[in-house]
């Protein structure tokens, strides 16, 4: 594929302006990381951290930031280039031109077990050993890979993909254009028990889970249904692997969570929130729109919109950095305190004059 063709496809798909080196239009056979690229491949440079690779990469073409010095350097090396304000987004669009995830052809495998009351739209793909229970509805172009189990009353929207071995429990509602990866469990009963004199009595979890359109759920992630009401994941939210979202949580739109985030029941997460790896959120906490929690943050209280928090317990990031600087000096400060204490004791041990 010619680089000019790739550039035009990127421009249309990303609705962005592009500048290109008009004198060089090589054939591109694939994409690669900038430090591993070889002749015939396309790569990209994002930010100053990777600018050094323009001098060493084996790529035939690069997607560059709007930086005239990098453009001149690439041209001098005979590397064709495309320039844009967002090289990473352009590279993502380029990858999609060369690779599409595996999707089986429409059809129903003979080993699938489908309740007669289940309904489904056009062009569905249902793999081997899939179990679809009573009252389930699948939209058009839904793809269900092998060994998926769908409990009664579930609805799955158009073009959604359920990967092998995930489980969708009763009455869960999944929107259009969602992807749920292997091992995920959607709609399992929440962890609800009431203490009594005899022990813990189970509170039945009669609610359900709603997954809105365009949500991505990673492998082995669990989203629990509540005792009453709904656990909701907002439109366009992206969840990594191994995430736990407890009963009754309300997660907003365009939220991103990295691996091993865990949230207790009743947590409210606003729109466009970023939760880094292993963030933990206590029961009933509210995270405001646009907030960011860095890796391993332990959130016990509400977080204001736009706030960045770090540490256990989570503190405003700037406060945490100041506290960390003090923490590193504690041995030195302790020695100074000991000297002061000895001097004080010595002064007070002298007999009065």
Protein backbone atom coordinates (compact mmCIF):
# COMPACT_ATOMS: atom_id res chain seq x y z
CA UNK A 1 0.00 0.00 0.00
CA UNK A 2 1.37 3.42 -0.95
CA UNK A 3 2.10 5.85 1.86
CA UNK A 4 -0.12 8.42 0.15
CA UNK A 5 -3.04 5.98 0.32
CA UNK A 6 -2.39 5.37 4.02
CA UNK A 7 -2.23 9.13 4.62
CA UNK A 8 -5.56 9.70 2.91
CA UNK A 9 -7.25 6.92 4.88
CA UNK A 10 -5.85 8.34 8.13
CA UNK A 11 -7.01 11.83 7.23
CA UNK A 12 -10.56 10.66 6.53
CA UNK A 13 -10.82 8.29 9.51
CA UNK A 14 -9.31 10.65 12.07
CA UNK A 15 -10.86 13.80 10.57
CA UNK A 16 -7.50 15.51 10.95
CA UNK A 17 -5.15 17.56 8.81
CA UNK A 18 -1.96 15.94 7.58
CA UNK A 19 1.22 17.23 5.97
CA UNK A 20 3.36 14.87 3.92
CA UNK A 21 6.70 14.84 2.14
CA UNK A 22 5.49 15.01 -1.49
CA UNK A 23 8.72 13.77 -3.05
CA UNK A 24 8.68 10.27 -1.59
CA UNK A 25 5.79 7.79 -1.70
CA UNK A 26 7.10 4.30 -0.82
CA UNK A 27 5.18 1.05 -0.69
CA UNK A 28 4.35 0.09 2.89
CA UNK A 29 3.81 -3.56 3.81
CA UNK A 30 3.13 -3.19 7.52
CA UNK A 31 3.61 -1.25 10.75
CA UNK A 32 6.21 -1.60 13.50
CA UNK A 33 7.63 -0.02 16.65
CA UNK A 34 10.15 2.68 15.77
CA UNK A 35 13.11 0.84 17.35
CA UNK A 36 12.23 -2.44 15.59
CA UNK A 37 11.09 -1.14 12.19
CA UNK A 38 12.65 -2.43 8.98
CA UNK A 39 12.45 -1.39 5.35
CA UNK A 40 8.88 -1.46 4.05
CA UNK A 41 7.29 -0.61 7.41
CA UNK A 42 5.66 2.50 8.85
CA UNK A 43 6.26 3.72 12.40
CA UNK A 44 5.74 6.92 14.40
CA UNK A 45 7.45 9.38 16.72
CA UNK A 46 5.60 10.85 19.67
CA UNK A 47 7.29 13.54 21.71
CA UNK A 48 10.90 14.37 22.52
CA UNK A 49 11.50 11.05 24.31
CA UNK A 50 11.49 9.15 21.00
CA UNK A 51 12.91 11.83 18.69
CA UNK A 52 16.34 10.17 18.81
CA UNK A 53 15.00 7.23 16.81
CA UNK A 54 14.61 9.32 13.66
CA UNK A 55 18.39 8.98 13.31
CA UNK A 56 18.44 5.19 13.73
CA UNK A 57 15.13 3.65 12.71
CA UNK A 58 14.97 1.27 9.76
CA UNK A 59 11.42 2.32 8.84
CA UNK A 60 10.68 3.43 5.29
CA UNK A 61 8.16 5.99 6.55
CA UNK A 62 7.33 7.77 9.79
CA UNK A 63 4.38 9.60 11.25
CA UNK A 64 5.91 12.69 12.85
CA UNK A 65 4.71 15.51 15.07
CA UNK A 66 4.54 18.99 13.57
CA UNK A 67 8.26 19.55 14.07
CA UNK A 68 10.27 20.96 11.17
CA UNK A 69 13.59 19.78 12.58
CA UNK A 70 12.40 16.15 12.73
CA UNK A 71 10.90 16.44 9.26
CA UNK A 72 14.19 17.73 7.87
CA UNK A 73 16.13 14.96 9.62
CA UNK A 74 13.83 12.27 8.20
CA UNK A 75 14.07 13.78 4.71
CA UNK A 76 17.88 13.85 4.93
CA UNK A 77 17.86 10.12 5.76
CA UNK A 78 15.53 9.35 2.84
CA UNK A 79 12.62 8.46 5.12
CA UNK A 80 9.18 9.43 3.87
CA UNK A 81 6.96 11.07 6.47
CA UNK A 82 3.50 12.21 7.41
CA UNK A 83 3.15 15.02 9.94
CA UNK A 84 0.16 15.55 12.22
CA UNK A 85 -0.72 17.07 15.58
CA UNK A 86 -1.47 13.62 17.01
CA UNK A 87 0.99 11.01 15.68
CA UNK A 88 -0.23 8.28 18.02
CA UNK A 89 -3.82 8.57 16.83
CA UNK A 90 -2.67 8.53 13.21
CA UNK A 91 -0.58 5.41 13.89
CA UNK A 92 -3.58 3.72 15.49
CA UNK A 93 -5.55 4.40 12.30
CA UNK A 94 -2.67 3.03 10.24
CA UNK A 95 -2.59 -0.22 12.22
CA UNK A 96 -6.29 -0.70 11.45
CA UNK A 97 -5.47 -0.61 7.73
CA UNK A 98 -3.19 -3.63 8.08
CA UNK A 99 -4.83 -5.64 10.85
CA UNK A 100 -8.38 -6.56 11.77
CA UNK A 101 -9.17 -8.78 14.79
CA UNK A 102 -10.28 -12.33 14.03
CA UNK A 103 -14.01 -12.61 13.49
CA UNK A 104 -15.67 -15.86 12.41
CA UNK A 105 -18.17 -15.87 9.57
CA UNK A 106 -21.85 -15.50 10.45
CA UNK A 107 -23.53 -18.74 11.43
CA UNK A 108 -24.44 -20.95 14.39
CA UNK A 109 -22.20 -23.84 15.38
CA UNK A 110 -24.13 -27.13 15.68
CA UNK A 111 -22.88 -27.66 19.25
CA UNK A 112 -24.40 -24.38 20.51
CA UNK A 113 -27.33 -24.77 22.91
CA UNK A 114 -29.94 -22.06 22.29
CA UNK A 115 -33.26 -21.83 24.13
CA UNK A 116 -36.21 -21.67 21.70
CA UNK A 117 -37.36 -18.38 23.24
CA UNK A 118 -34.08 -16.62 22.47
CA UNK A 119 -34.11 -14.20 19.54
CA UNK A 120 -31.33 -12.74 17.42
CA UNK A 121 -30.85 -10.39 14.51
CA UNK A 122 -29.06 -10.74 11.19
CA UNK A 123 -25.51 -11.96 10.58
CA UNK A 124 -24.87 -13.25 14.08
CA UNK A 125 -21.97 -15.60 14.73
CA UNK A 126 -22.42 -18.12 17.55
CA UNK A 127 -19.47 -20.40 18.25
CA UNK A 128 -18.99 -23.92 19.55
CA UNK A 129 -20.48 -24.87 22.94
CA UNK A 130 -22.15 -21.51 23.46
CA UNK A 131 -25.14 -21.63 25.82
CA UNK A 132 -27.91 -19.06 25.33
CA UNK A 133 -30.75 -19.18 27.87
CA UNK A 134 -34.42 -18.23 27.78
CA UNK A 135 -35.47 -14.73 26.83
CA UNK A 136 -32.07 -13.64 25.52
CA UNK A 137 -31.98 -11.19 22.61
CA UNK A 138 -28.95 -10.64 20.39
CA UNK A 139 -28.80 -7.69 17.99
CA UNK A 140 -27.52 -7.65 14.42
CA UNK A 141 -23.93 -8.67 13.69
CA UNK A 142 -23.29 -9.91 17.23
CA UNK A 143 -20.29 -12.24 17.48
CA UNK A 144 -20.13 -14.83 20.26
CA UNK A 145 -16.97 -16.91 20.48
CA UNK A 146 -16.85 -20.50 21.85
CA UNK A 147 -17.90 -21.49 25.38
CA UNK A 148 -19.70 -18.25 26.21
CA UNK A 149 -22.60 -18.71 28.63
CA UNK A 150 -25.50 -16.25 28.59
CA UNK A 151 -28.09 -16.46 31.39
CA UNK A 152 -31.82 -15.70 30.99
CA UNK A 153 -33.12 -12.27 30.09
CA UNK A 154 -29.85 -10.84 28.75
CA UNK A 155 -29.88 -8.32 25.89
CA UNK A 156 -26.82 -7.76 23.68
CA UNK A 157 -26.67 -4.81 21.27
CA UNK A 158 -25.67 -4.69 17.62
CA UNK A 159 -22.07 -5.52 16.64
CA UNK A 160 -21.01 -6.46 20.16
CA UNK A 161 -18.34 -9.15 20.50
CA UNK A 162 -18.25 -11.64 23.40
CA UNK A 163 -14.94 -13.48 23.50
CA UNK A 164 -14.45 -17.11 24.47
CA UNK A 165 -15.32 -18.24 27.99
CA UNK A 166 -16.93 -15.04 29.25
CA UNK A 167 -20.16 -15.28 31.25
CA UNK A 168 -23.11 -12.92 31.12
CA UNK A 169 -25.48 -13.49 34.04
CA UNK A 170 -29.21 -12.90 34.28
CA UNK A 171 -30.88 -9.74 32.98
CA UNK A 172 -27.62 -7.97 32.13
CA UNK A 173 -28.05 -5.34 29.43
CA UNK A 174 -25.13 -4.85 27.04
CA UNK A 175 -25.17 -2.05 24.48
CA UNK A 176 -24.01 -1.83 20.88
CA UNK A 177 -20.36 -1.96 19.75
CA UNK A 178 -19.09 -3.40 23.03
CA UNK A 179 -16.23 -5.86 23.43
CA UNK A 180 -16.08 -8.25 26.37
CA UNK A 181 -12.92 -10.32 26.63
CA UNK A 182 -12.31 -13.86 27.79
CA UNK A 183 -12.99 -14.79 31.40
CA UNK A 184 -15.02 -11.66 32.18
CA UNK A 185 -18.10 -12.15 34.34
CA UNK A 186 -20.87 -9.59 33.91
CA UNK A 187 -23.77 -9.54 36.34
CA UNK A 188 -22.63 -12.01 39.01
CA UNK A 189 -24.29 -11.46 42.37
CA UNK A 190 -22.79 -8.70 44.49
CA UNK A 191 -21.01 -9.45 47.74
CA UNK A 192 -23.94 -8.68 50.04
CA UNK A 193 -24.24 -10.21 53.51
CA UNK A 194 -25.94 -8.97 56.68
CA UNK A 195 -24.32 -9.72 60.08
CA UNK A 196 -26.53 -11.58 62.55
CA UNK A 197 -25.97 -13.28 65.89
CA UNK A 198 -25.75 -16.59 64.04
CA UNK A 199 -23.36 -15.38 61.33
CA UNK A 200 -23.69 -13.75 57.94
CA UNK A 201 -27.07 -13.85 56.22
CA UNK A 202 -27.10 -13.48 52.46
CA UNK A 203 -28.88 -10.48 50.93
CA UNK A 204 -30.19 -11.57 47.55
CA UNK A 205 -28.89 -9.47 44.67
CA UNK A 206 -32.02 -8.77 42.64
CA UNK A 207 -30.63 -5.91 40.52
CA UNK A 208 -28.82 -6.08 37.19
CA UNK A 209 -25.90 -4.66 35.21
CA UNK A 210 -26.13 -2.16 32.36
CA UNK A 211 -23.20 -1.80 29.97
CA UNK A 212 -23.75 1.17 27.65
CA UNK A 213 -22.61 1.46 24.02
CA UNK A 214 -18.96 1.26 23.03
CA UNK A 215 -17.62 -0.18 26.28
CA UNK A 216 -14.52 -2.41 26.29
CA UNK A 217 -14.15 -4.90 29.17
CA UNK A 218 -10.87 -6.75 29.62
CA UNK A 219 -10.16 -10.37 30.45
CA UNK A 220 -11.16 -11.70 33.88
CA UNK A 221 -12.86 -8.45 34.84
CA UNK A 222 -15.91 -8.80 37.09
CA UNK A 223 -18.88 -6.43 37.27
CA UNK A 224 -21.42 -7.36 39.95
CA UNK A 225 -25.15 -6.78 40.09
CA UNK A 226 -26.59 -5.05 43.20
CA UNK A 227 -29.23 -6.06 45.73
CA UNK A 228 -31.59 -3.57 44.10
CA UNK A 229 -31.22 -1.18 41.20
CA UNK A 230 -28.44 -1.10 38.65
CA UNK A 231 -24.66 -1.30 38.33
CA UNK A 232 -23.89 0.87 35.32
CA UNK A 233 -20.86 1.34 33.05
CA UNK A 234 -21.16 4.48 30.92
CA UNK A 235 -20.80 4.88 27.18
CA UNK A 236 -17.30 4.61 25.73
CA UNK A 237 -15.61 3.50 28.95
CA UNK A 238 -12.57 1.22 28.60
CA UNK A 239 -11.64 -1.33 31.26
CA UNK A 240 -8.37 -3.28 31.37
CA UNK A 241 -7.97 -6.85 32.62
CA UNK A 242 -8.54 -8.06 36.20
CA UNK A 243 -10.78 -5.22 37.36
CA UNK A 244 -13.42 -5.60 40.09
CA UNK A 245 -16.48 -3.34 40.03
CA UNK A 246 -18.76 -4.10 42.94
CA UNK A 247 -22.53 -3.96 43.30
CA UNK A 248 -24.29 -0.68 42.65
CA UNK A 249 -21.30 1.23 41.26
CA UNK A 250 -22.04 3.97 38.74
CA UNK A 251 -19.21 4.54 36.26
CA UNK A 252 -19.50 7.49 33.88
CA UNK A 253 -18.69 7.96 30.22
CA UNK A 254 -15.22 7.72 28.62
CA UNK A 255 -13.60 6.47 31.83
CA UNK A 256 -10.31 4.54 31.55
CA UNK A 257 -9.21 1.99 34.17
CA UNK A 258 -5.92 0.10 34.12
CA UNK A 259 -5.39 -3.42 35.41
CA UNK A 260 -6.34 -4.47 38.95
CA UNK A 261 -8.48 -1.47 39.82
CA UNK A 262 -10.91 -2.49 42.54
CA UNK A 263 -13.92 -0.58 43.78
CA UNK A 264 -16.26 -1.41 46.63
CA UNK A 265 -20.02 -1.13 46.48
CA UNK A 266 -21.83 2.08 45.66
CA UNK A 267 -18.85 3.97 44.22
CA UNK A 268 -19.69 6.79 41.78
CA UNK A 269 -17.13 7.62 39.10
CA UNK A 270 -17.68 10.69 36.93
CA UNK A 271 -17.00 11.15 33.23
CA UNK A 272 -13.48 11.05 31.70
CA UNK A 273 -11.86 9.79 34.91
CA UNK A 274 -8.51 7.96 34.68
CA UNK A 275 -7.72 5.25 37.24
CA UNK A 276 -4.20 3.81 36.96
CA UNK A 277 -3.17 0.28 37.93
CA UNK A 278 -4.19 -1.16 41.32
CA UNK A 279 -6.20 1.87 42.42
CA UNK A 280 -8.54 0.91 45.25
CA UNK A 281 -11.74 2.83 46.04
CA UNK A 282 -13.64 2.47 49.30
CA UNK A 283 -17.37 2.01 49.73
CA UNK A 284 -19.62 4.88 48.57
CA UNK A 285 -16.77 7.21 47.50
CA UNK A 286 -17.44 9.66 44.67
CA UNK A 287 -14.80 10.51 42.05
CA UNK A 288 -15.51 13.78 40.21
CA UNK A 289 -15.38 14.33 36.45
CA UNK A 290 -11.90 14.39 34.94
CA UNK A 291 -10.12 13.26 38.11
CA UNK A 292 -6.96 11.13 37.88
CA UNK A 293 -5.76 8.56 40.41
CA UNK A 294 -2.16 7.41 39.95
CA UNK A 295 -1.03 3.80 40.40
CA UNK A 296 -1.86 2.12 43.73
CA UNK A 297 -3.77 5.13 45.06
CA UNK A 298 -6.04 4.21 47.96
CA UNK A 299 -9.16 6.37 47.81
CA UNK A 300 -11.20 6.54 51.01
CA UNK A 301 -12.99 9.85 50.54
CA UNK A 302 -14.59 11.83 47.73
CA UNK A 303 -12.30 13.29 45.05
CA UNK A 304 -13.11 16.67 43.54
CA UNK A 305 -13.53 17.06 39.74
CA UNK A 306 -10.21 17.45 37.95
CA UNK A 307 -8.15 16.51 41.02
CA UNK A 308 -5.02 14.33 40.69
CA UNK A 309 -4.45 12.06 43.67
CA UNK A 310 -1.59 9.78 44.71
CA UNK A 311 -0.68 7.49 47.59
CA UNK A 312 -2.32 5.54 50.43
CA UNK A 313 -4.43 7.19 51.66
CA UNK A 314 -4.79 9.23 48.50
CA UNK A 315 -3.64 12.85 48.73
CA UNK A 316 -3.60 15.64 46.16
CA UNK A 317 -0.62 14.85 43.96
CA UNK A 318 1.32 18.04 44.79
CA UNK A 319 0.85 17.44 48.51
CA UNK A 320 2.03 13.84 48.07
CA UNK A 321 5.21 15.00 46.30
CA UNK A 322 5.99 17.41 49.14
CA UNK A 323 5.34 14.68 51.72
CA UNK A 324 7.54 12.26 49.76
CA UNK A 325 10.40 14.76 49.81
CA UNK A 326 10.08 14.98 53.58
CA UNK A 327 9.84 11.20 53.89
CA UNK A 328 13.17 10.74 52.10
CA UNK A 329 14.79 13.08 54.63
CA UNK A 330 13.39 11.32 57.73
CA UNK A 331 16.67 9.48 58.62
CA UNK A 332 18.60 12.75 58.48
CA UNK A 333 15.88 14.58 60.42
CA UNK A 334 15.82 11.79 63.02
CA UNK A 335 19.59 12.13 63.58
CA UNK A 336 19.17 15.88 64.02
CA UNK A 337 16.36 15.28 66.50
CA UNK A 338 18.56 12.87 68.47
CA UNK A 339 21.35 15.48 68.67
CA UNK A 340 18.88 18.11 69.87
CA UNK A 341 17.45 15.70 72.41
CA UNK A 342 20.91 14.83 73.78
CA UNK A 343 21.85 18.50 73.96
CA UNK A 344 18.62 19.29 75.78
CA UNK A 345 19.14 16.45 78.25
CA UNK A 346 22.75 17.51 78.85
CA UNK A 347 21.73 21.11 79.49
CA UNK A 348 19.06 20.05 81.94
CA UNK A 349 21.30 17.58 83.77
CA UNK A 350 23.77 20.30 84.96
CA UNK A 351 23.36 21.39 88.62
CA UNK A 352 21.88 24.86 89.04
CA UNK A 353 24.46 27.65 89.46
